């Protein structure tokens, strides 16, 4: 097969990775049949190469994470005819962040038309920006529609993954001591999985309830209580307007203000929902329009900031106007709520009543830094003690410092976290890493363009399935990105990063999870969703090296 044909992703026809066996006892549905666009078939059960050293893997593909990235991976595998896979998640149900996060006011901050799979429009959204419970319901809908329950193992926390260089498989350990092996691993854990607890002296001494927004306890009473909220990120923007009317007093402790935009959240009438259900193309048309707006507002403005700086300034002007209308006449409050950094340095948000909440007589914005937590409240740098009954931590998540989300050891036993910390976050096309064969990240360094989250899932899976298909075609058990191609991809990413807003001097010191200690912005891929999708469809499959366990040839053609 020619290189051009391989680059086009032609599946060809060929054996499965050598030595692989099906594992129906682990949840493979016996009724599965390859669908349109299926990858090359595996060898018949029990038909692996007896010369392949070591045991066959428990599964061909292990998917780690059962949020939308993991659900999308499972659906794509089924559509591609990959029938032996397992999806594991440490939580007790599917949905990822939308299962774990249940604080008052939680909702998606991008329209539902864009926040869904293109192939599975959902006509049941009640609003343009639906609440978190509806996102969880959509996750359940996708799992049930595509028959994935039997492929899921919840309550399964991965503690370590090790590459077996002899058998060409991953050995994945779980809390409790169990181990599974897989030929290929797709890490589909999201960013918002590990809550960040601030390192504040005395936090463990507070007598009242302390609750993080990501681990909300519905038993905590806030009505009629003195409530303190530490943090003013996206979660606080949604939570504060819900707490303000019911709390006796609400103190919001702000370190860095956030850019906020008016949220065009409107109910979707039942009649419109019926139209969506009867004619899905209508909903898809709206999705294309909202995707285009997102690409224009984020990708063009922030990824191409050096060329179009006026777009960022225009966005800042809109946000400032919204602030002045929400907080009329209070110049000091407006000054304290106005960010001193360029729009895009930190994640902006859409708000409904966030800024207006600070005009209530029972709500105070505290901009002095917190120095300690006492038994009865919080003390700030100006010496003032704020008496509290309930303390809420809206302090976000470990993002870049949680990559990878578990110890991962590749070729030569190299620890991936150490590699990224010492040699900078880097990937090939936002998904693969040199020295870590048969492993891909849906959400990793330089994966998300900042546009469509579901668009990212789509182009990452396009890349992954092309490589797995090529490995099957060649009868390979290992697909490893070539170091030279990996490094070329990373250099291209760094060059493009220089055009973004994230390297603007005003971003320094903003505590943005987009940025790392090297001054890079690995949380965002400097490309449009369309460009990333085109790269996923057309990258040269020979950027990977394909080998078969026990075969000492440098590469399989």
Protein backbone atom coordinates (compact mmCIF):
# COMPACT_ATOMS: atom_id res chain seq x y z
CA UNK A 1 0.00 0.00 0.00
CA UNK A 2 1.37 3.41 -0.91
CA UNK A 3 2.21 6.04 1.69
CA UNK A 4 -0.42 8.32 0.20
CA UNK A 5 -3.07 5.67 0.58
CA UNK A 6 -2.02 4.99 4.17
CA UNK A 7 -2.11 8.71 4.93
CA UNK A 8 -5.67 8.80 3.70
CA UNK A 9 -6.57 6.27 6.38
CA UNK A 10 -7.62 3.44 4.06
CA UNK A 11 -8.34 0.50 6.38
CA UNK A 12 -7.19 -2.16 3.94
CA UNK A 13 -7.59 -5.76 5.10
CA UNK A 14 -5.38 -7.65 7.42
CA UNK A 15 -5.01 -9.63 10.61
CA UNK A 16 -5.51 -8.38 14.11
CA UNK A 17 -2.56 -7.56 16.33
CA UNK A 18 -0.79 -10.85 16.86
CA UNK A 19 -1.58 -12.81 19.96
CA UNK A 20 -4.82 -11.03 20.73
CA UNK A 21 -7.85 -12.94 21.93
CA UNK A 22 -11.44 -11.95 22.58
CA UNK A 23 -12.67 -11.85 26.15
CA UNK A 24 -16.44 -12.26 26.16
CA UNK A 25 -16.51 -12.89 29.90
CA UNK A 26 -15.38 -9.30 30.40
CA UNK A 27 -18.38 -7.73 28.77
CA UNK A 28 -17.94 -8.11 25.00
CA UNK A 29 -21.36 -8.26 23.43
CA UNK A 30 -21.65 -11.43 21.31
CA UNK A 31 -24.18 -9.77 19.01
CA UNK A 32 -21.75 -7.07 17.87
CA UNK A 33 -21.10 -6.90 14.15
CA UNK A 34 -18.75 -4.50 12.36
CA UNK A 35 -20.50 -1.41 11.11
CA UNK A 36 -19.83 0.83 8.15
CA UNK A 37 -16.24 2.03 8.12
CA UNK A 38 -15.07 -0.88 10.27
CA UNK A 39 -11.39 -1.43 10.84
CA UNK A 40 -9.68 -4.55 9.49
CA UNK A 41 -10.96 -7.66 11.22
CA UNK A 42 -9.07 -9.40 13.97
CA UNK A 43 -7.93 -12.96 13.61
CA UNK A 44 -10.57 -15.49 14.69
CA UNK A 45 -10.74 -16.21 18.40
CA UNK A 46 -7.82 -18.36 19.41
CA UNK A 47 -6.09 -17.62 16.13
CA UNK A 48 -3.23 -15.55 17.50
CA UNK A 49 0.37 -16.22 16.57
CA UNK A 50 1.73 -18.89 18.96
CA UNK A 51 5.20 -17.42 18.50
CA UNK A 52 4.15 -14.19 20.17
CA UNK A 53 5.84 -14.18 23.58
CA UNK A 54 3.76 -13.86 26.74
CA UNK A 55 0.02 -14.13 27.31
CA UNK A 56 -2.58 -12.43 25.15
CA UNK A 57 -4.09 -9.25 26.60
CA UNK A 58 -7.37 -9.26 28.47
CA UNK A 59 -8.75 -6.66 26.06
CA UNK A 60 -7.71 -5.17 22.78
CA UNK A 61 -8.56 -1.65 23.96
CA UNK A 62 -8.91 -0.30 27.50
CA UNK A 63 -10.64 3.08 27.79
CA UNK A 64 -9.96 4.91 31.05
CA UNK A 65 -12.73 7.36 31.91
CA UNK A 66 -16.50 7.23 31.41
CA UNK A 67 -17.25 10.88 30.84
CA UNK A 68 -18.15 12.12 27.37
CA UNK A 69 -14.61 11.46 26.10
CA UNK A 70 -14.78 7.83 27.22
CA UNK A 71 -18.36 7.39 26.00
CA UNK A 72 -17.42 8.83 22.62
CA UNK A 73 -14.41 6.51 22.43
CA UNK A 74 -16.56 3.46 23.15
CA UNK A 75 -19.11 4.46 20.50
CA UNK A 76 -16.37 5.07 17.93
CA UNK A 77 -14.77 1.70 18.68
CA UNK A 78 -18.08 -0.06 18.16
CA UNK A 79 -18.71 1.74 14.91
CA UNK A 80 -15.22 0.78 13.75
CA UNK A 81 -15.87 -2.89 14.51
CA UNK A 82 -13.56 -3.08 17.52
CA UNK A 83 -15.61 -5.35 19.75
CA UNK A 84 -13.19 -6.23 22.54
CA UNK A 85 -12.88 -3.16 24.69
CA UNK A 86 -13.61 -2.16 28.25
CA UNK A 87 -14.38 1.26 29.74
CA UNK A 88 -13.39 1.82 33.36
CA UNK A 89 -14.05 4.75 35.68
CA UNK A 90 -13.31 5.41 39.33
CA UNK A 91 -16.74 6.93 39.94
CA UNK A 92 -19.87 4.88 40.61
CA UNK A 93 -21.61 5.93 37.39
CA UNK A 94 -20.99 7.44 33.98
CA UNK A 95 -20.94 11.12 33.13
CA UNK A 96 -17.56 12.27 34.42
CA UNK A 97 -17.72 15.84 35.70
CA UNK A 98 -21.47 15.92 35.17
CA UNK A 99 -21.89 13.04 37.57
CA UNK A 100 -19.44 14.31 40.18
CA UNK A 101 -20.37 18.01 40.17
CA UNK A 102 -23.77 18.76 41.69
CA UNK A 103 -23.46 22.16 43.32
CA UNK A 104 -26.42 24.58 43.12
CA UNK A 105 -26.58 26.35 39.78
CA UNK A 106 -24.28 23.98 37.89
CA UNK A 107 -24.83 24.23 34.15
CA UNK A 108 -22.90 24.01 30.93
CA UNK A 109 -21.27 27.30 29.92
CA UNK A 110 -21.47 26.64 26.20
CA UNK A 111 -24.74 26.14 24.36
CA UNK A 112 -26.23 22.67 24.37
CA UNK A 113 -26.28 22.78 20.57
CA UNK A 114 -22.47 22.71 20.60
CA UNK A 115 -22.05 20.60 23.71
CA UNK A 116 -23.20 17.28 22.24
CA UNK A 117 -22.08 14.66 19.76
CA UNK A 118 -22.72 15.64 16.15
CA UNK A 119 -23.98 12.12 15.41
CA UNK A 120 -26.33 12.08 18.41
CA UNK A 121 -28.29 15.34 18.71
CA UNK A 122 -30.43 15.47 21.83
CA UNK A 123 -33.86 17.04 21.35
CA UNK A 124 -34.71 17.07 25.06
CA UNK A 125 -32.66 20.05 26.26
CA UNK A 126 -34.89 22.33 28.30
CA UNK A 127 -32.71 25.40 27.84
CA UNK A 128 -29.97 26.78 25.61
CA UNK A 129 -27.56 26.31 28.54
CA UNK A 130 -29.01 23.26 30.30
CA UNK A 131 -28.38 22.40 33.96
CA UNK A 132 -25.92 19.72 34.96
CA UNK A 133 -28.60 17.09 35.58
CA UNK A 134 -29.55 17.23 31.90
CA UNK A 135 -25.93 16.70 30.85
CA UNK A 136 -25.84 13.63 33.09
CA UNK A 137 -29.08 12.44 31.47
CA UNK A 138 -27.52 12.91 28.02
CA UNK A 139 -24.52 10.79 29.07
CA UNK A 140 -26.90 8.03 30.20
CA UNK A 141 -28.84 8.38 26.95
CA UNK A 142 -25.69 7.86 24.86
CA UNK A 143 -24.57 4.87 26.92
CA UNK A 144 -27.96 3.18 26.66
CA UNK A 145 -28.59 4.07 23.01
CA UNK A 146 -25.31 2.45 21.96
CA UNK A 147 -25.53 -0.49 24.35
CA UNK A 148 -22.43 0.27 26.37
CA UNK A 149 -23.49 -0.77 29.87
CA UNK A 150 -22.01 -4.24 29.54
CA UNK A 151 -18.66 -2.69 28.58
CA UNK A 152 -18.46 -0.49 31.67
CA UNK A 153 -16.74 -1.11 34.98
CA UNK A 154 -17.41 1.69 37.47
CA UNK A 155 -15.75 2.04 40.85
CA UNK A 156 -12.49 0.99 39.19
CA UNK A 157 -9.71 3.47 40.00
CA UNK A 158 -6.52 3.08 37.99
CA UNK A 159 -3.40 3.41 40.13
CA UNK A 160 -0.65 2.64 37.62
CA UNK A 161 0.00 1.69 33.99
CA UNK A 162 3.18 -0.03 32.74
CA UNK A 163 4.22 -0.81 29.18
CA UNK A 164 5.43 -4.40 28.66
CA UNK A 165 8.13 -4.08 26.01
CA UNK A 166 8.30 -7.83 25.40
CA UNK A 167 4.61 -8.68 25.06
CA UNK A 168 3.65 -5.28 23.61
CA UNK A 169 0.78 -4.60 25.98
CA UNK A 170 -0.13 -2.31 28.86
CA UNK A 171 -0.43 -3.68 32.38
CA UNK A 172 -2.93 -1.53 34.25
CA UNK A 173 -3.31 -1.79 37.99
CA UNK A 174 -6.37 -0.83 39.99
CA UNK A 175 -7.04 0.13 43.59
CA UNK A 176 -7.55 -3.11 45.45
CA UNK A 177 -4.77 -4.91 43.59
CA UNK A 178 -6.48 -6.12 40.40
CA UNK A 179 -4.58 -5.92 37.12
CA UNK A 180 -5.83 -5.85 33.52
CA UNK A 181 -3.80 -6.00 30.33
CA UNK A 182 -4.66 -4.31 27.07
CA UNK A 183 -3.02 -4.00 23.67
CA UNK A 184 -4.07 -0.35 23.36
CA UNK A 185 -5.01 2.19 26.03
CA UNK A 186 -7.03 5.35 25.50
CA UNK A 187 -6.85 7.76 28.42
CA UNK A 188 -10.21 9.55 28.31
CA UNK A 189 -10.13 11.20 31.72
CA UNK A 190 -11.11 14.85 31.65
CA UNK A 191 -9.44 17.89 33.14
CA UNK A 192 -11.96 18.52 35.88
CA UNK A 193 -11.52 15.34 37.90
CA UNK A 194 -9.22 16.14 40.84
CA UNK A 195 -10.47 19.02 43.04
CA UNK A 196 -7.89 21.53 44.20
CA UNK A 197 -7.99 22.28 47.90
CA UNK A 198 -6.22 25.51 48.83
CA UNK A 199 -3.23 25.24 51.15
CA UNK A 200 -4.60 27.49 53.89
CA UNK A 201 -3.37 27.31 57.47
CA UNK A 202 -6.09 26.10 59.82
CA UNK A 203 -8.46 24.78 57.16
CA UNK A 204 -8.90 21.56 59.11
CA UNK A 205 -9.81 23.50 62.27
CA UNK A 206 -12.96 25.14 60.95
CA UNK A 207 -15.91 23.96 63.04
CA UNK A 208 -18.57 24.31 60.40
CA UNK A 209 -19.05 22.40 57.14
CA UNK A 210 -16.29 22.76 54.54
CA UNK A 211 -17.43 21.71 51.07
CA UNK A 212 -15.72 21.86 47.67
CA UNK A 213 -17.98 22.63 44.72
CA UNK A 214 -16.76 19.45 43.02
CA UNK A 215 -17.81 17.36 46.03
CA UNK A 216 -20.99 19.15 46.96
CA UNK A 217 -22.91 17.77 49.92
CA UNK A 218 -26.64 18.48 49.52
CA UNK A 219 -27.07 18.10 53.26
CA UNK A 220 -25.14 21.32 53.90
CA UNK A 221 -27.57 24.07 54.87
CA UNK A 222 -26.77 27.53 53.49
CA UNK A 223 -30.14 29.26 53.93
CA UNK A 224 -29.99 31.76 56.75
CA UNK A 225 -26.31 31.01 57.39
CA UNK A 226 -23.13 33.04 57.11
CA UNK A 227 -21.42 31.56 54.06
CA UNK A 228 -17.94 32.15 52.71
CA UNK A 229 -16.93 31.27 49.14
CA UNK A 230 -13.22 31.10 48.35
CA UNK A 231 -12.58 31.41 44.62
CA UNK A 232 -14.15 33.30 41.73
CA UNK A 233 -13.78 30.97 38.76
CA UNK A 234 -16.45 29.42 36.57
CA UNK A 235 -18.01 27.41 39.42
CA UNK A 236 -18.36 30.49 41.62
CA UNK A 237 -19.95 32.42 38.75
CA UNK A 238 -22.75 29.84 38.76
CA UNK A 239 -22.92 29.25 42.52
CA UNK A 240 -22.83 32.78 43.96
CA UNK A 241 -26.14 33.95 42.40
CA UNK A 242 -27.83 30.86 43.89
CA UNK A 243 -26.42 31.39 47.39
CA UNK A 244 -26.86 35.17 47.57
CA UNK A 245 -30.67 35.33 47.96
CA UNK A 246 -30.83 32.69 50.71
CA UNK A 247 -27.70 33.23 52.82
CA UNK A 248 -27.88 35.54 55.81
CA UNK A 249 -24.49 36.82 54.71
CA UNK A 250 -22.23 35.84 51.83
CA UNK A 251 -18.54 36.74 51.73
CA UNK A 252 -16.81 35.98 48.41
CA UNK A 253 -13.01 35.88 48.64
CA UNK A 254 -11.47 36.87 45.31
CA UNK A 255 -7.83 36.49 44.34
CA UNK A 256 -8.17 37.17 40.61
CA UNK A 257 -11.30 38.61 38.96
CA UNK A 258 -12.83 36.84 35.98
CA UNK A 259 -14.08 38.09 32.62
CA UNK A 260 -17.83 37.41 32.47
CA UNK A 261 -20.26 37.72 29.57
CA UNK A 262 -24.04 37.84 29.52
CA UNK A 263 -25.51 34.38 29.22
CA UNK A 264 -28.14 34.16 26.48
CA UNK A 265 -29.91 31.35 28.30
CA UNK A 266 -33.48 30.92 27.15
CA UNK A 267 -35.97 28.07 27.57
CA UNK A 268 -36.47 25.82 24.55
CA UNK A 269 -40.24 25.52 24.04
CA UNK A 270 -41.74 22.05 23.84
CA UNK A 271 -42.90 22.76 20.29
CA UNK A 272 -39.31 23.45 19.24
CA UNK A 273 -38.15 20.27 20.96
CA UNK A 274 -40.73 18.30 19.03
CA UNK A 275 -39.36 19.78 15.81
CA UNK A 276 -35.83 18.77 16.85
CA UNK A 277 -37.00 15.22 17.53
CA UNK A 278 -38.88 14.92 14.24
CA UNK A 279 -36.25 16.64 12.09
CA UNK A 280 -32.78 16.32 13.66
CA UNK A 281 -31.24 18.28 10.80
CA UNK A 282 -32.80 21.44 12.26
CA UNK A 283 -30.85 20.99 15.48
CA UNK A 284 -27.68 20.14 13.60
CA UNK A 285 -28.03 23.36 11.60
CA UNK A 286 -28.16 25.38 14.81
CA UNK A 287 -25.18 23.41 16.15
CA UNK A 288 -23.11 24.37 13.11
CA UNK A 289 -23.96 28.02 13.71
CA UNK A 290 -23.09 27.95 17.42
CA UNK A 291 -19.87 26.06 16.65
CA UNK A 292 -18.93 28.79 14.20
CA UNK A 293 -19.58 31.50 16.80
CA UNK A 294 -17.43 29.64 19.34
CA UNK A 295 -14.62 29.25 16.83
CA UNK A 296 -14.79 32.95 15.96
CA UNK A 297 -14.92 34.18 19.55
CA UNK A 298 -12.21 31.94 20.97
CA UNK A 299 -10.04 30.44 18.28
CA UNK A 300 -9.75 33.43 15.98
CA UNK A 301 -9.54 35.97 18.80
CA UNK A 302 -7.27 34.13 21.22
CA UNK A 303 -5.34 31.61 19.15
CA UNK A 304 -4.58 34.25 16.49
CA UNK A 305 -4.33 37.12 18.94
CA UNK A 306 -1.20 38.68 17.43
CA UNK A 307 -2.92 39.06 14.08
CA UNK A 308 -6.34 40.08 15.40
CA UNK A 309 -5.77 41.84 18.76
CA UNK A 310 -8.81 44.05 18.19
CA UNK A 311 -11.08 41.01 18.64
CA UNK A 312 -9.81 40.48 22.20
CA UNK A 313 -10.17 44.18 22.94
CA UNK A 314 -13.71 44.09 21.56
CA UNK A 315 -14.55 41.16 23.81
CA UNK A 316 -13.16 43.00 26.81
CA UNK A 317 -15.30 46.03 25.94
CA UNK A 318 -18.43 43.87 25.84
CA UNK A 319 -17.61 42.37 29.24
CA UNK A 320 -16.89 45.78 30.78
CA UNK A 321 -20.19 47.13 29.47
CA UNK A 322 -21.98 44.15 30.98
CA UNK A 323 -20.23 44.78 34.31
CA UNK A 324 -21.27 48.44 34.35
CA UNK A 325 -24.87 47.47 33.69
CA UNK A 326 -24.84 44.82 36.40
CA UNK A 327 -23.16 47.07 38.99
CA UNK A 328 -24.58 50.51 38.31
CA UNK A 329 -22.85 53.47 39.88
CA UNK A 330 -20.50 51.66 42.26
CA UNK A 331 -17.14 52.62 40.80
CA UNK A 332 -15.09 50.96 43.52
CA UNK A 333 -16.90 47.64 43.05
CA UNK A 334 -16.52 47.89 39.28
CA UNK A 335 -12.80 48.52 39.70
CA UNK A 336 -12.33 45.49 41.96
CA UNK A 337 -14.31 43.18 39.66
CA UNK A 338 -12.49 44.25 36.48
CA UNK A 339 -9.66 41.90 35.41
CA UNK A 340 -6.20 43.39 34.86
CA UNK A 341 -5.20 40.78 32.30
CA UNK A 342 -6.11 40.17 28.66
CA UNK A 343 -9.29 38.28 27.91
CA UNK A 344 -8.30 34.66 27.39
CA UNK A 345 -5.38 34.46 29.85
CA UNK A 346 -7.78 32.67 32.17
CA UNK A 347 -10.96 30.87 31.28
CA UNK A 348 -13.81 33.40 30.92
CA UNK A 349 -17.39 32.50 31.74
CA UNK A 350 -21.01 33.30 31.01
CA UNK A 351 -22.96 34.57 33.99
CA UNK A 352 -26.55 35.19 34.94
CA UNK A 353 -26.56 37.58 37.86
CA UNK A 354 -23.03 36.93 39.16
CA UNK A 355 -21.85 40.52 39.21
CA UNK A 356 -25.27 41.82 40.24
CA UNK A 357 -25.15 39.59 43.33
CA UNK A 358 -22.43 41.85 44.77
CA UNK A 359 -24.87 44.77 44.89
CA UNK A 360 -27.00 42.95 47.49
CA UNK A 361 -26.63 44.29 51.06
CA UNK A 362 -25.83 40.79 52.41
CA UNK A 363 -23.02 40.07 49.92
CA UNK A 364 -19.45 41.34 50.26
CA UNK A 365 -16.57 41.02 47.79
CA UNK A 366 -13.34 40.48 49.72
CA UNK A 367 -10.17 41.15 47.71
CA UNK A 368 -7.69 40.93 50.59
CA UNK A 369 -5.87 37.60 50.49
CA UNK A 370 -6.86 34.89 52.95
CA UNK A 371 -4.11 34.29 55.52
CA UNK A 372 -5.72 31.63 57.70
CA UNK A 373 -8.87 29.75 58.52
CA UNK A 374 -9.93 29.77 62.15
CA UNK A 375 -12.44 27.69 64.05
CA UNK A 376 -15.15 30.24 63.36
CA UNK A 377 -14.23 31.87 60.05
CA UNK A 378 -11.55 33.32 57.83
CA UNK A 379 -8.90 35.94 58.52
CA UNK A 380 -7.57 38.12 55.69
CA UNK A 381 -4.31 39.98 55.20
CA UNK A 382 -5.77 43.25 56.52
CA UNK A 383 -6.38 41.56 59.88
CA UNK A 384 -10.16 41.39 59.50
CA UNK A 385 -11.87 38.24 60.75
CA UNK A 386 -14.90 37.12 58.75
CA UNK A 387 -17.26 35.07 60.90
CA UNK A 388 -18.70 32.11 58.98
CA UNK A 389 -20.98 29.13 59.51
CA UNK A 390 -20.23 27.40 56.17
CA UNK A 391 -17.08 27.52 54.03
CA UNK A 392 -17.31 26.71 50.31
CA UNK A 393 -14.17 26.03 48.27
CA UNK A 394 -14.74 27.08 44.67
CA UNK A 395 -11.05 26.66 44.00
CA UNK A 396 -11.16 24.59 40.83
CA UNK A 397 -9.16 21.55 39.86
CA UNK A 398 -5.67 20.23 39.40
CA UNK A 399 -5.36 20.33 35.62
CA UNK A 400 -1.85 20.28 34.17
CA UNK A 401 -0.41 19.04 37.44
CA UNK A 402 -2.76 16.06 37.21
CA UNK A 403 -1.35 14.85 33.89
CA UNK A 404 -1.15 11.95 33.57
CA UNK A 405 -3.86 11.19 36.14
CA UNK A 406 -2.01 8.09 37.35
CA UNK A 407 1.65 6.93 37.24
CA UNK A 408 2.41 5.84 33.68
CA UNK A 409 5.64 4.11 32.68
CA UNK A 410 6.56 3.64 29.03
CA UNK A 411 9.54 2.24 27.19
CA UNK A 412 12.51 1.77 29.47
CA UNK A 413 10.27 2.37 32.49
CA UNK A 414 10.29 6.15 31.92
CA UNK A 415 7.71 7.90 34.09
CA UNK A 416 5.51 10.11 31.94
CA UNK A 417 4.93 12.72 34.61
CA UNK A 418 8.68 13.08 35.12
CA UNK A 419 9.20 13.32 31.35
CA UNK A 420 6.65 16.10 31.02
CA UNK A 421 7.90 18.00 34.05
CA UNK A 422 11.55 17.93 33.00
CA UNK A 423 11.23 18.21 29.22
CA UNK A 424 8.00 20.27 29.00
CA UNK A 425 4.53 19.08 28.16
CA UNK A 426 4.65 17.75 24.63
CA UNK A 427 2.67 15.45 22.38
CA UNK A 428 2.41 14.37 18.79
CA UNK A 429 -0.73 15.96 17.33
CA UNK A 430 -2.12 16.48 20.83
CA UNK A 431 -2.66 12.79 21.58
CA UNK A 432 0.44 10.52 21.44
CA UNK A 433 3.79 10.74 23.23
CA UNK A 434 7.13 9.40 22.04
CA UNK A 435 8.31 6.48 24.13
CA UNK A 436 4.77 5.48 25.12
CA UNK A 437 3.51 3.07 22.44
CA UNK A 438 -0.14 2.10 22.02
CA UNK A 439 -1.24 4.93 24.34
CA UNK A 440 -3.30 7.99 23.41
CA UNK A 441 -4.88 10.84 25.31
CA UNK A 442 -8.24 12.33 24.38
CA UNK A 443 -7.57 15.24 26.74
CA UNK A 444 -3.89 15.91 27.18
CA UNK A 445 -1.27 18.54 26.40
CA UNK A 446 -2.17 20.54 23.30
CA UNK A 447 -5.36 18.59 22.62
CA UNK A 448 -8.22 21.09 23.03
CA UNK A 449 -8.45 24.01 20.61
CA UNK A 450 -10.77 25.94 22.90
CA UNK A 451 -13.64 25.60 20.43
CA UNK A 452 -15.89 22.56 20.49
CA UNK A 453 -15.19 20.00 23.24
CA UNK A 454 -17.04 17.36 21.27
CA UNK A 455 -15.20 18.41 18.12
CA UNK A 456 -11.98 17.64 20.00
CA UNK A 457 -13.24 14.19 20.94
CA UNK A 458 -14.06 13.58 17.28
CA UNK A 459 -10.69 14.55 15.83
CA UNK A 460 -8.75 12.76 18.56
CA UNK A 461 -10.68 9.55 17.87
CA UNK A 462 -10.14 9.95 14.13
CA UNK A 463 -6.40 9.96 14.79
CA UNK A 464 -6.49 7.03 17.23
CA UNK A 465 -8.67 4.77 15.11
CA UNK A 466 -6.56 5.37 12.01
CA UNK A 467 -3.48 4.15 13.88
CA UNK A 468 -5.21 1.14 15.42
CA UNK A 469 -6.58 0.27 11.98
CA UNK A 470 -3.12 0.52 10.44
CA UNK A 471 -1.64 -1.65 13.20
CA UNK A 472 -4.30 -4.26 12.48
CA UNK A 473 -3.64 -4.08 8.74
CA UNK A 474 0.07 -4.70 9.28
CA UNK A 475 -0.46 -7.37 11.93
CA UNK A 476 1.45 -5.20 14.39
CA UNK A 477 1.26 -5.32 18.16
CA UNK A 478 3.04 -2.02 18.70
CA UNK A 479 2.41 1.42 17.23
CA UNK A 480 4.93 3.97 18.48
CA UNK A 481 5.18 7.52 17.20
CA UNK A 482 8.64 8.14 15.72
CA UNK A 483 10.65 10.55 17.92
CA UNK A 484 11.69 12.76 15.00
CA UNK A 485 8.06 13.15 13.85
CA UNK A 486 6.94 13.76 17.41
CA UNK A 487 9.55 16.48 17.90
CA UNK A 488 8.65 18.12 14.60
CA UNK A 489 5.00 18.24 15.64
CA UNK A 490 5.92 19.77 19.00
CA UNK A 491 8.13 22.44 17.40
CA UNK A 492 5.26 23.38 15.09
CA UNK A 493 2.96 23.70 18.10
CA UNK A 494 5.41 25.96 19.93
CA UNK A 495 5.78 28.20 16.89
CA UNK A 496 2.03 28.62 16.62
CA UNK A 497 1.73 29.19 20.35
CA UNK A 498 3.64 32.42 19.92
CA UNK A 499 0.63 33.90 18.12
CA UNK A 500 -1.74 33.29 21.04
CA UNK A 501 -2.97 35.56 23.81
CA UNK A 502 -1.59 33.16 26.42
CA UNK A 503 1.94 34.46 25.98
CA UNK A 504 0.87 38.07 26.51
CA UNK A 505 2.79 39.55 29.48
CA UNK A 506 -0.49 40.30 31.27
CA UNK A 507 -1.11 36.55 31.65
CA UNK A 508 1.80 36.14 34.04
CA UNK A 509 0.74 35.70 37.62
CA UNK A 510 -2.91 35.04 36.81
CA UNK A 511 -2.83 31.48 38.21
CA UNK A 512 -4.32 30.27 34.94
CA UNK A 513 -4.59 26.54 34.41
CA UNK A 514 -3.82 27.17 30.74
CA UNK A 515 -0.19 27.92 31.68
CA UNK A 516 2.59 25.82 33.16
CA UNK A 517 5.82 26.60 34.99
CA UNK A 518 7.73 26.78 31.70
CA UNK A 519 5.55 29.63 30.45
CA UNK A 520 3.91 27.37 27.85
CA UNK A 521 0.14 27.03 27.42
CA UNK A 522 -0.26 23.26 26.96
CA UNK A 523 -3.93 23.29 27.95
CA UNK A 524 -4.82 24.72 24.54
CA UNK A 525 -3.90 23.53 21.06
CA UNK A 526 -3.00 26.56 18.91
CA UNK A 527 -5.21 25.60 15.97
CA UNK A 528 -8.80 25.75 14.88
CA UNK A 529 -11.07 22.74 15.31
CA UNK A 530 -11.23 22.42 11.53
CA UNK A 531 -7.43 22.43 11.22
CA UNK A 532 -7.08 19.83 13.97
CA UNK A 533 -9.69 17.67 12.28
CA UNK A 534 -7.92 17.91 8.93
CA UNK A 535 -4.62 16.94 10.54
CA UNK A 536 -6.27 13.92 12.18
CA UNK A 537 -7.60 12.76 8.82
CA UNK A 538 -4.44 13.31 6.82
CA UNK A 539 -1.32 12.89 8.99
CA UNK A 540 1.09 10.34 7.56
CA UNK A 541 0.51 6.98 9.21
CA UNK A 542 4.22 6.30 8.74
CA UNK A 543 4.81 8.88 11.47
CA UNK A 544 4.34 5.80 13.62
CA UNK A 545 6.61 2.77 13.71
CA UNK A 546 4.78 -0.56 13.65
CA UNK A 547 6.29 -3.70 15.12
CA UNK A 548 5.18 -7.17 16.13
CA UNK A 549 6.13 -8.79 19.42
CA UNK A 550 8.87 -11.32 18.84
CA UNK A 551 9.69 -9.92 15.39
CA UNK A 552 13.02 -8.10 15.43
CA UNK A 553 12.53 -6.19 12.21
CA UNK A 554 12.69 -2.44 12.69
CA UNK A 555 9.31 -1.88 11.07
CA UNK A 556 6.40 -3.73 9.49
CA UNK A 557 5.34 -2.56 6.04
